Amino acid sequence: MLLNEPILNSERTEIYIQNPSLINPVSEYYRVNADFLRPWEPAREESYFTREAFCERLELAEKNFHSGMSVQLAAFDRMSGNLAGIVNFTGIIRGPFQACFLGYSLSESFQGRGYMHEILTTAIAYMFNEKRLHRIMANYMPRNGRSGRLLEKLGFEREGLARDYLLINGKWEDHILTSLIRKD
């Protein structure tokens, strides 16, 4: 598989496996959206935004894709060529579990136009049909109603609440636990 070619296509995007060839658009995405994403992500040191750090993370994303540990995607808008969103399927566990965790972010400039629903619909189908996973788990902070509505629209079902689940922007945050199970 050539990683400099899209592995998936949605109506408005081309979706690539994250790899070192994407260092410029990925680093620009995080730099431009740093303030917008801050309330929803772990606190980031300045070193997180260095070229070397992005190169290391993208090399690891490529390695983990080939080893089957994760599928980290970058979705580019066809019209503008800009990186619209990031989708990460991580912690892939095989054996009797056949599951992973889903994380995602969308550039501030693409908000409110259905991009993430479109990207996730395509990416989830890939994970179920090509990677043959049975369960995808996605968790969101109760105050992130937009993410909750998106997951519900995609068919994710609420399974519970995890107290102080993740350290987000320097504060332990509760998360609503959801999952989507492959129907077959």
N, C-alpha and C. Protein backbone atom coordinates (compact mmCIF):
# COMPACT_ATOMS: atom_id res chain seq x y z
N MET A 1 0.84 -1.18 0.00
CA MET A 1 0.00 0.00 0.00
C MET A 1 0.89 1.24 0.00
N LEU A 2 0.61 2.16 -0.91
CA LEU A 2 1.33 3.43 -0.96
C LEU A 2 0.65 4.41 -0.02
N LEU A 3 1.39 4.90 0.95
CA LEU A 3 0.79 5.78 1.95
C LEU A 3 0.67 7.21 1.47
N ASN A 4 1.27 7.53 0.30
CA ASN A 4 1.10 8.87 -0.23
C ASN A 4 -0.11 8.95 -1.17
N GLU A 5 -0.93 7.93 -1.16
CA GLU A 5 -2.19 7.92 -1.89
C GLU A 5 -3.33 7.69 -0.89
N PRO A 6 -4.50 8.26 -1.18
CA PRO A 6 -5.61 8.06 -0.23
C PRO A 6 -6.01 6.60 -0.15
N ILE A 7 -6.33 6.15 1.07
CA ILE A 7 -6.84 4.79 1.20
C ILE A 7 -8.35 4.78 1.18
N LEU A 8 -8.95 5.94 1.46
CA LEU A 8 -10.41 6.07 1.49
C LEU A 8 -10.82 7.38 0.83
N ASN A 9 -12.02 7.39 0.32
CA ASN A 9 -12.59 8.60 -0.25
C ASN A 9 -14.02 8.74 0.25
N SER A 10 -14.34 9.92 0.72
CA SER A 10 -15.73 10.24 1.02
C SER A 10 -16.18 11.24 -0.05
N GLU A 11 -17.39 11.71 0.06
CA GLU A 11 -17.90 12.62 -0.97
C GLU A 11 -17.02 13.85 -1.15
N ARG A 12 -16.56 14.42 -0.03
CA ARG A 12 -15.80 15.67 -0.11
C ARG A 12 -14.35 15.55 0.32
N THR A 13 -13.92 14.35 0.74
CA THR A 13 -12.55 14.24 1.26
C THR A 13 -11.80 13.05 0.68
N GLU A 14 -10.48 13.16 0.75
CA GLU A 14 -9.56 12.06 0.52
C GLU A 14 -8.89 11.78 1.85
N ILE A 15 -8.83 10.51 2.22
CA ILE A 15 -8.38 10.14 3.55
C ILE A 15 -7.12 9.29 3.44
N TYR A 16 -6.08 9.73 4.13
CA TYR A 16 -4.76 9.10 4.08
C TYR A 16 -4.38 8.51 5.44
N ILE A 17 -3.55 7.48 5.42
CA ILE A 17 -2.90 7.00 6.63
C ILE A 17 -1.88 8.07 7.03
N GLN A 18 -1.87 8.46 8.30
CA GLN A 18 -0.87 9.42 8.73
C GLN A 18 0.51 8.79 8.60
N ASN A 19 1.43 9.55 8.03
CA ASN A 19 2.80 9.10 7.80
C ASN A 19 3.69 10.32 7.62
N PRO A 20 5.01 10.15 7.66
CA PRO A 20 5.91 11.31 7.61
C PRO A 20 5.75 12.21 6.39
N SER A 21 5.23 11.71 5.29
CA SER A 21 5.05 12.58 4.11
C SER A 21 4.01 13.67 4.35
N LEU A 22 3.21 13.52 5.42
CA LEU A 22 2.16 14.50 5.74
C LEU A 22 2.59 15.49 6.81
N ILE A 23 3.88 15.57 7.10
CA ILE A 23 4.34 16.41 8.21
C ILE A 23 3.90 17.86 8.07
N ASN A 24 3.97 18.43 6.88
CA ASN A 24 3.62 19.85 6.73
C ASN A 24 2.14 20.10 7.00
N PRO A 25 1.21 19.39 6.34
CA PRO A 25 -0.19 19.68 6.64
C PRO A 25 -0.62 19.29 8.05
N VAL A 26 -0.07 18.20 8.60
CA VAL A 26 -0.47 17.79 9.95
C VAL A 26 0.05 18.80 10.98
N SER A 27 1.29 19.20 10.87
CA SER A 27 1.82 20.17 11.83
C SER A 27 1.09 21.51 11.70
N GLU A 28 0.76 21.92 10.50
CA GLU A 28 0.01 23.16 10.29
C GLU A 28 -1.39 23.05 10.89
N TYR A 29 -2.04 21.92 10.73
CA TYR A 29 -3.37 21.68 11.30
C TYR A 29 -3.36 21.91 12.81
N TYR A 30 -2.40 21.30 13.50
CA TYR A 30 -2.34 21.44 14.95
C TYR A 30 -1.91 22.84 15.38
N ARG A 31 -1.05 23.47 14.61
CA ARG A 31 -0.63 24.83 14.95
C ARG A 31 -1.80 25.80 14.80
N VAL A 32 -2.49 25.75 13.68
CA VAL A 32 -3.60 26.66 13.40
C VAL A 32 -4.77 26.42 14.35
N ASN A 33 -5.01 25.18 14.74
CA ASN A 33 -6.17 24.83 15.56
C ASN A 33 -5.84 24.66 17.05
N ALA A 34 -4.64 25.03 17.46
CA ALA A 34 -4.21 24.80 18.85
C ALA A 34 -5.19 25.41 19.85
N ASP A 35 -5.57 26.65 19.68
CA ASP A 35 -6.48 27.30 20.63
C ASP A 35 -7.87 26.67 20.57
N PHE A 36 -8.32 26.37 19.38
CA PHE A 36 -9.65 25.78 19.20
C PHE A 36 -9.75 24.39 19.85
N LEU A 37 -8.70 23.59 19.72
CA LEU A 37 -8.72 22.22 20.24
C LEU A 37 -8.35 22.13 21.72
N ARG A 38 -7.75 23.18 22.28
CA ARG A 38 -7.24 23.14 23.65
C ARG A 38 -8.26 22.63 24.69
N PRO A 39 -9.54 23.06 24.66
CA PRO A 39 -10.48 22.58 25.69
C PRO A 39 -10.78 21.09 25.62
N TRP A 40 -10.41 20.43 24.53
CA TRP A 40 -10.81 19.04 24.30
C TRP A 40 -9.64 18.07 24.31
N GLU A 41 -8.43 18.56 24.49
CA GLU A 41 -7.24 17.71 24.39
C GLU A 41 -6.36 17.83 25.63
N PRO A 42 -5.42 16.90 25.79
CA PRO A 42 -4.45 17.03 26.88
C PRO A 42 -3.66 18.33 26.73
N ALA A 43 -3.16 18.86 27.84
CA ALA A 43 -2.31 20.04 27.78
C ALA A 43 -1.08 19.70 26.94
N ARG A 44 -0.68 20.63 26.11
CA ARG A 44 0.45 20.41 25.20
C ARG A 44 1.60 21.34 25.56
N GLU A 45 2.79 20.76 25.74
CA GLU A 45 4.01 21.54 25.92
C GLU A 45 4.39 22.11 24.55
N GLU A 46 5.20 23.15 24.56
CA GLU A 46 5.66 23.74 23.29
C GLU A 46 6.39 22.69 22.45
N SER A 47 7.09 21.77 23.10
CA SER A 47 7.84 20.75 22.37
C SER A 47 6.93 19.85 21.53
N TYR A 48 5.65 19.77 21.89
CA TYR A 48 4.70 18.97 21.11
C TYR A 48 4.60 19.48 19.67
N PHE A 49 4.78 20.78 19.48
CA PHE A 49 4.57 21.41 18.19
C PHE A 49 5.83 21.53 17.35
N THR A 50 6.93 20.91 17.76
CA THR A 50 8.16 20.98 16.97
C THR A 50 8.08 20.02 15.78
N ARG A 51 8.82 20.33 14.76
CA ARG A 51 8.87 19.48 13.57
C ARG A 51 9.35 18.07 13.93
N GLU A 52 10.34 17.99 14.81
CA GLU A 52 10.89 16.70 15.21
C GLU A 52 9.83 15.85 15.91
N ALA A 53 9.04 16.48 16.78
CA ALA A 53 7.99 15.74 17.49
C ALA A 53 6.92 15.24 16.53
N PHE A 54 6.53 16.08 15.57
CA PHE A 54 5.55 15.63 14.58
C PHE A 54 6.11 14.50 13.74
N CYS A 55 7.36 14.61 13.35
CA CYS A 55 7.98 13.55 12.56
C CYS A 55 7.97 12.23 13.32
N GLU A 56 8.32 12.27 14.61
CA GLU A 56 8.31 11.05 15.43
C GLU A 56 6.91 10.45 15.52
N ARG A 57 5.91 11.30 15.76
CA ARG A 57 4.54 10.80 15.88
C ARG A 57 4.03 10.22 14.57
N LEU A 58 4.38 10.86 13.46
CA LEU A 58 3.92 10.35 12.16
C LEU A 58 4.64 9.06 11.78
N GLU A 59 5.91 8.94 12.13
CA GLU A 59 6.62 7.68 11.91
C GLU A 59 5.99 6.57 12.73
N LEU A 60 5.64 6.86 13.97
CA LEU A 60 5.00 5.87 14.84
C LEU A 60 3.61 5.50 14.30
N ALA A 61 2.87 6.47 13.80
CA ALA A 61 1.54 6.20 13.23
C ALA A 61 1.66 5.23 12.05
N GLU A 62 2.66 5.46 11.20
CA GLU A 62 2.87 4.57 10.05
C GLU A 62 3.27 3.17 10.52
N LYS A 63 4.19 3.10 11.47
CA LYS A 63 4.62 1.81 12.01
C LYS A 63 3.45 1.07 12.65
N ASN A 64 2.65 1.78 13.45
CA ASN A 64 1.52 1.15 14.12
C ASN A 64 0.44 0.70 13.14
N PHE A 65 0.30 1.40 12.03
CA PHE A 65 -0.64 0.96 11.00
C PHE A 65 -0.18 -0.39 10.44
N HIS A 66 1.09 -0.47 10.08
CA HIS A 66 1.61 -1.71 9.48
C HIS A 66 1.61 -2.87 10.47
N SER A 67 1.74 -2.59 11.76
CA SER A 67 1.73 -3.66 12.75
C SER A 67 0.32 -4.01 13.22
N GLY A 68 -0.67 -3.22 12.79
CA GLY A 68 -2.06 -3.49 13.17
C GLY A 68 -2.46 -2.94 14.52
N MET A 69 -1.64 -2.06 15.09
CA MET A 69 -1.93 -1.52 16.42
C MET A 69 -2.88 -0.31 16.39
N SER A 70 -2.86 0.43 15.28
CA SER A 70 -3.75 1.59 15.16
C SER A 70 -3.93 1.94 13.70
N VAL A 71 -4.95 2.74 13.44
CA VAL A 71 -5.20 3.31 12.12
C VAL A 71 -5.45 4.80 12.36
N GLN A 72 -4.43 5.60 12.03
CA GLN A 72 -4.52 7.04 12.25
C GLN A 72 -4.64 7.71 10.88
N LEU A 73 -5.70 8.49 10.73
CA LEU A 73 -6.07 9.02 9.42
C LEU A 73 -6.04 10.54 9.40
N ALA A 74 -5.79 11.07 8.21
CA ALA A 74 -5.85 12.51 7.95
C ALA A 74 -6.77 12.70 6.75
N ALA A 75 -7.83 13.49 6.93
CA ALA A 75 -8.84 13.69 5.87
C ALA A 75 -8.67 15.08 5.27
N PHE A 76 -8.44 15.11 3.97
CA PHE A 76 -8.22 16.37 3.25
C PHE A 76 -9.44 16.72 2.40
N ASP A 77 -9.84 17.97 2.47
CA ASP A 77 -10.93 18.49 1.65
C ASP A 77 -10.50 18.48 0.19
N ARG A 78 -11.31 17.89 -0.68
CA ARG A 78 -10.97 17.82 -2.10
C ARG A 78 -10.89 19.20 -2.76
N MET A 79 -11.80 20.08 -2.41
CA MET A 79 -11.87 21.39 -3.07
C MET A 79 -10.68 22.28 -2.71
N SER A 80 -10.40 22.41 -1.42
CA SER A 80 -9.35 23.33 -0.99
C SER A 80 -7.98 22.67 -0.86
N GLY A 81 -7.97 21.34 -0.68
CA GLY A 81 -6.72 20.64 -0.42
C GLY A 81 -6.28 20.73 1.02
N ASN A 82 -7.05 21.42 1.86
CA ASN A 82 -6.68 21.60 3.27
C ASN A 82 -7.02 20.37 4.10
N LEU A 83 -6.23 20.17 5.15
CA LEU A 83 -6.49 19.09 6.09
C LEU A 83 -7.72 19.49 6.92
N ALA A 84 -8.80 18.75 6.74
CA ALA A 84 -10.07 19.07 7.42
C ALA A 84 -10.14 18.43 8.80
N GLY A 85 -9.67 17.18 8.92
CA GLY A 85 -9.83 16.51 10.20
C GLY A 85 -8.89 15.34 10.38
N ILE A 86 -8.78 14.94 11.64
CA ILE A 86 -7.95 13.82 12.07
C ILE A 86 -8.86 12.78 12.71
N VAL A 87 -8.65 11.52 12.36
CA VAL A 87 -9.41 10.42 12.95
C VAL A 87 -8.40 9.35 13.36
N ASN A 88 -8.47 8.93 14.62
CA ASN A 88 -7.55 7.92 15.13
C ASN A 88 -8.31 6.74 15.73
N PHE A 89 -8.04 5.56 15.21
CA PHE A 89 -8.52 4.31 15.79
C PHE A 89 -7.31 3.69 16.48
N THR A 90 -7.29 3.74 17.81
CA THR A 90 -6.10 3.32 18.55
C THR A 90 -6.43 2.19 19.50
N GLY A 91 -5.37 1.63 20.06
CA GLY A 91 -5.55 0.55 21.02
C GLY A 91 -6.27 -0.65 20.43
N ILE A 92 -5.99 -0.97 19.18
CA ILE A 92 -6.64 -2.11 18.54
C ILE A 92 -6.24 -3.38 19.27
N ILE A 93 -7.26 -4.12 19.70
CA ILE A 93 -7.05 -5.38 20.40
C ILE A 93 -7.72 -6.48 19.58
N ARG A 94 -7.00 -7.52 19.31
CA ARG A 94 -7.54 -8.65 18.54
C ARG A 94 -7.99 -9.75 19.50
N GLY A 95 -7.92 -10.98 19.08
CA GLY A 95 -8.38 -12.08 19.92
C GLY A 95 -9.89 -12.01 20.08
N PRO A 96 -10.42 -12.36 21.24
CA PRO A 96 -11.87 -12.39 21.41
C PRO A 96 -12.50 -11.00 21.52
N PHE A 97 -11.67 -9.93 21.67
CA PHE A 97 -12.22 -8.59 21.86
C PHE A 97 -12.52 -7.90 20.53
N GLN A 98 -11.57 -7.87 19.60
CA GLN A 98 -11.73 -7.27 18.27
C GLN A 98 -12.30 -5.85 18.35
N ALA A 99 -11.58 -4.97 19.06
CA ALA A 99 -12.11 -3.65 19.33
C ALA A 99 -11.00 -2.59 19.30
N CYS A 100 -11.42 -1.32 19.32
CA CYS A 100 -10.48 -0.21 19.37
C CYS A 100 -11.18 1.01 19.95
N PHE A 101 -10.39 2.05 20.17
CA PHE A 101 -10.90 3.35 20.61
C PHE A 101 -10.87 4.31 19.42
N LEU A 102 -11.84 5.19 19.38
CA LEU A 102 -11.93 6.22 18.35
C LEU A 102 -11.71 7.58 18.96
N GLY A 103 -10.86 8.38 18.33
CA GLY A 103 -10.68 9.78 18.68
C GLY A 103 -10.68 10.59 17.40
N TYR A 104 -11.12 11.83 17.48
CA TYR A 104 -11.21 12.63 16.26
C TYR A 104 -11.19 14.12 16.59
N SER A 105 -10.81 14.90 15.60
CA SER A 105 -10.90 16.36 15.70
C SER A 105 -11.13 16.90 14.30
N LEU A 106 -11.78 18.05 14.26
CA LEU A 106 -12.07 18.71 13.00
C LEU A 106 -11.58 20.14 13.08
N SER A 107 -10.94 20.59 12.02
CA SER A 107 -10.45 21.96 11.97
C SER A 107 -11.58 22.94 12.22
N GLU A 108 -11.27 24.00 12.93
CA GLU A 108 -12.29 25.02 13.22
C GLU A 108 -12.94 25.53 11.93
N SER A 109 -12.17 25.63 10.86
CA SER A 109 -12.69 26.18 9.61
C SER A 109 -13.66 25.24 8.89
N PHE A 110 -13.76 23.99 9.34
CA PHE A 110 -14.68 23.02 8.71
C PHE A 110 -15.87 22.68 9.60
N GLN A 111 -16.00 23.34 10.73
CA GLN A 111 -17.07 23.04 11.68
C GLN A 111 -18.45 23.36 11.10
N GLY A 112 -19.44 22.55 11.51
CA GLY A 112 -20.83 22.84 11.23
C GLY A 112 -21.31 22.55 9.82
N ARG A 113 -20.54 21.78 9.05
CA ARG A 113 -20.93 21.48 7.67
C ARG A 113 -21.02 19.98 7.37
N GLY A 114 -21.03 19.16 8.43
CA GLY A 114 -21.20 17.73 8.25
C GLY A 114 -19.95 16.97 7.83
N TYR A 115 -18.81 17.61 7.87
CA TYR A 115 -17.58 16.94 7.45
C TYR A 115 -17.23 15.75 8.33
N MET A 116 -17.28 15.94 9.65
CA MET A 116 -16.85 14.84 10.51
C MET A 116 -17.79 13.66 10.40
N HIS A 117 -19.07 13.89 10.27
CA HIS A 117 -20.01 12.77 10.07
C HIS A 117 -19.64 12.01 8.81
N GLU A 118 -19.37 12.72 7.75
CA GLU A 118 -19.00 12.10 6.46
C GLU A 118 -17.70 11.32 6.59
N ILE A 119 -16.69 11.92 7.21
CA ILE A 119 -15.39 11.27 7.36
C ILE A 119 -15.52 10.03 8.24
N LEU A 120 -16.20 10.16 9.37
CA LEU A 120 -16.33 9.02 10.28
C LEU A 120 -17.16 7.90 9.67
N THR A 121 -18.19 8.22 8.94
CA THR A 121 -18.99 7.18 8.29
C THR A 121 -18.10 6.33 7.38
N THR A 122 -17.25 6.98 6.62
CA THR A 122 -16.33 6.28 5.71
C THR A 122 -15.28 5.49 6.48
N ALA A 123 -14.69 6.12 7.50
CA ALA A 123 -13.62 5.47 8.26
C ALA A 123 -14.13 4.30 9.09
N ILE A 124 -15.30 4.44 9.67
CA ILE A 124 -15.87 3.35 10.46
C ILE A 124 -16.18 2.15 9.57
N ALA A 125 -16.71 2.40 8.39
CA ALA A 125 -16.98 1.30 7.45
C ALA A 125 -15.68 0.56 7.12
N TYR A 126 -14.60 1.29 6.95
CA TYR A 126 -13.29 0.68 6.69
C TYR A 126 -12.86 -0.20 7.87
N MET A 127 -13.02 0.31 9.08
CA MET A 127 -12.59 -0.45 10.25
C MET A 127 -13.43 -1.72 10.43
N PHE A 128 -14.71 -1.65 10.15
CA PHE A 128 -15.56 -2.83 10.27
C PHE A 128 -15.36 -3.80 9.10
N ASN A 129 -15.32 -3.28 7.89
CA ASN A 129 -15.30 -4.15 6.71
C ASN A 129 -13.91 -4.63 6.31
N GLU A 130 -12.91 -3.76 6.43
CA GLU A 130 -11.55 -4.13 6.03
C GLU A 130 -10.72 -4.66 7.19
N LYS A 131 -10.82 -4.00 8.32
CA LYS A 131 -10.04 -4.42 9.49
C LYS A 131 -10.78 -5.44 10.35
N ARG A 132 -12.05 -5.65 10.04
CA ARG A 132 -12.88 -6.69 10.65
C ARG A 132 -13.01 -6.55 12.17
N LEU A 133 -13.04 -5.32 12.65
CA LEU A 133 -13.27 -5.11 14.07
C LEU A 133 -14.75 -5.33 14.39
N HIS A 134 -15.02 -5.68 15.62
CA HIS A 134 -16.39 -5.91 16.07
C HIS A 134 -16.96 -4.71 16.81
N ARG A 135 -16.09 -3.97 17.51
CA ARG A 135 -16.55 -2.91 18.40
C ARG A 135 -15.61 -1.71 18.31
N ILE A 136 -16.21 -0.52 18.21
CA ILE A 136 -15.46 0.74 18.25
C ILE A 136 -16.00 1.53 19.44
N MET A 137 -15.09 1.94 20.32
CA MET A 137 -15.49 2.68 21.52
C MET A 137 -15.07 4.14 21.36
N ALA A 138 -15.97 5.05 21.68
CA ALA A 138 -15.69 6.48 21.62
C ALA A 138 -16.23 7.13 22.88
N ASN A 139 -15.44 7.97 23.49
CA ASN A 139 -15.82 8.60 24.74
C ASN A 139 -15.74 10.12 24.59
N TYR A 140 -16.67 10.82 25.24
CA TYR A 140 -16.68 12.28 25.12
C TYR A 140 -17.06 12.92 26.45
N MET A 141 -16.61 14.14 26.64
CA MET A 141 -16.92 14.88 27.86
C MET A 141 -18.39 15.31 27.82
N PRO A 142 -19.09 15.21 28.95
CA PRO A 142 -20.50 15.58 28.97
C PRO A 142 -20.77 16.99 28.45
N ARG A 143 -19.83 17.91 28.63
CA ARG A 143 -20.03 19.28 28.16
C ARG A 143 -19.83 19.43 26.65
N ASN A 144 -19.38 18.36 26.00
CA ASN A 144 -19.18 18.40 24.55
C ASN A 144 -20.41 17.82 23.84
N GLY A 145 -21.50 18.56 23.90
CA GLY A 145 -22.75 18.10 23.30
C GLY A 145 -22.66 17.85 21.82
N ARG A 146 -21.85 18.63 21.12
CA ARG A 146 -21.70 18.46 19.68
C ARG A 146 -21.14 17.07 19.35
N SER A 147 -20.14 16.64 20.11
CA SER A 147 -19.56 15.32 19.90
C SER A 147 -20.56 14.23 20.26
N GLY A 148 -21.30 14.43 21.35
CA GLY A 148 -22.32 13.46 21.75
C GLY A 148 -23.38 13.28 20.69
N ARG A 149 -23.83 14.38 20.10
CA ARG A 149 -24.86 14.30 19.04
C ARG A 149 -24.31 13.60 17.79
N LEU A 150 -23.05 13.88 17.45
CA LEU A 150 -22.42 13.23 16.31
C LEU A 150 -22.36 11.72 16.51
N LEU A 151 -21.87 11.31 17.66
CA LEU A 151 -21.75 9.87 17.93
C LEU A 151 -23.12 9.19 17.92
N GLU A 152 -24.11 9.85 18.49
CA GLU A 152 -25.46 9.29 18.48
C GLU A 152 -25.99 9.15 17.06
N LYS A 153 -25.75 10.15 16.23
CA LYS A 153 -26.18 10.11 14.83
C LYS A 153 -25.49 8.98 14.07
N LEU A 154 -24.26 8.67 14.46
CA LEU A 154 -23.51 7.57 13.83
C LEU A 154 -23.93 6.20 14.34
N GLY A 155 -24.77 6.17 15.37
CA GLY A 155 -25.25 4.90 15.90
C GLY A 155 -24.56 4.43 17.17
N PHE A 156 -23.66 5.22 17.72
CA PHE A 156 -23.00 4.83 18.96
C PHE A 156 -24.03 4.85 20.09
N GLU A 157 -23.92 3.88 20.98
CA GLU A 157 -24.84 3.76 22.12
C GLU A 157 -24.10 4.07 23.40
N ARG A 158 -24.77 4.80 24.27
CA ARG A 158 -24.20 5.16 25.57
C ARG A 158 -24.12 3.92 26.45
N GLU A 159 -22.96 3.75 27.09
CA GLU A 159 -22.74 2.59 27.96
C GLU A 159 -22.47 2.98 29.40
N GLY A 160 -22.18 4.23 29.65
CA GLY A 160 -21.93 4.62 31.02
C GLY A 160 -21.17 5.92 31.13
N LEU A 161 -20.79 6.24 32.37
CA LEU A 161 -20.04 7.44 32.67
C LEU A 161 -18.79 7.04 33.44
N ALA A 162 -17.66 7.51 32.99
CA ALA A 162 -16.39 7.27 33.67
C ALA A 162 -15.96 8.56 34.36
N ARG A 163 -15.86 8.52 35.68
CA ARG A 163 -15.47 9.70 36.45
C ARG A 163 -13.97 9.94 36.32
N ASP A 164 -13.59 11.22 36.21
CA ASP A 164 -12.18 11.61 36.11
C ASP A 164 -11.41 10.70 35.15
N TYR A 165 -11.93 10.54 33.97
CA TYR A 165 -11.45 9.55 33.00
C TYR A 165 -10.13 9.96 32.34
N LEU A 166 -10.05 11.20 31.86
CA LEU A 166 -8.84 11.66 31.18
C LEU A 166 -8.43 13.04 31.67
N LEU A 167 -7.12 13.27 31.65
CA LEU A 167 -6.57 14.58 32.01
C LEU A 167 -6.60 15.45 30.75
N ILE A 168 -7.56 16.34 30.68
CA ILE A 168 -7.78 17.19 29.52
C ILE A 168 -7.46 18.63 29.89
N ASN A 169 -6.54 19.21 29.14
CA ASN A 169 -6.16 20.61 29.35
C ASN A 169 -5.88 20.90 30.83
N GLY A 170 -5.20 19.96 31.49
CA GLY A 170 -4.79 20.15 32.87
C GLY A 170 -5.83 19.83 33.93
N LYS A 171 -6.99 19.28 33.53
CA LYS A 171 -8.05 18.99 34.50
C LYS A 171 -8.61 17.59 34.21
N TRP A 172 -8.83 16.81 35.29
CA TRP A 172 -9.44 15.50 35.12
C TRP A 172 -10.90 15.69 34.72
N GLU A 173 -11.30 15.05 33.63
CA GLU A 173 -12.64 15.23 33.08
C GLU A 173 -13.39 13.90 33.06
N ASP A 174 -14.66 13.96 33.45
CA ASP A 174 -15.55 12.82 33.28
C ASP A 174 -15.78 12.61 31.78
N HIS A 175 -16.08 11.38 31.40
CA HIS A 175 -16.39 11.07 30.00
C HIS A 175 -17.58 10.12 29.92
N ILE A 176 -18.43 10.36 28.95
CA ILE A 176 -19.51 9.44 28.63
C ILE A 176 -18.94 8.37 27.71
N LEU A 177 -19.15 7.11 28.07
CA LEU A 177 -18.61 5.97 27.31
C LEU A 177 -19.66 5.51 26.31
N THR A 178 -19.26 5.37 25.06
CA THR A 178 -20.17 4.88 24.03
C THR A 178 -19.46 3.82 23.20
N SER A 179 -20.24 3.06 22.46
CA SER A 179 -19.65 2.11 21.51
C SER A 179 -20.60 1.88 20.34
N LEU A 180 -19.97 1.43 19.28
CA LEU A 180 -20.70 1.02 18.07
C LEU A 180 -20.25 -0.40 17.76
N ILE A 181 -21.21 -1.28 17.58
CA ILE A 181 -20.91 -2.68 17.33
C ILE A 181 -21.29 -3.02 15.90
N ARG A 182 -20.39 -3.73 15.23
CA ARG A 182 -20.64 -4.12 13.84
C ARG A 182 -21.84 -5.05 13.76
N LYS A 183 -22.70 -4.74 12.85
CA LYS A 183 -23.88 -5.56 12.61
C LYS A 183 -23.58 -6.54 11.48
N ASP A 184 -23.59 -7.82 11.77
CA ASP A 184 -23.43 -8.83 10.71
C ASP A 184 -23.94 -10.16 11.14
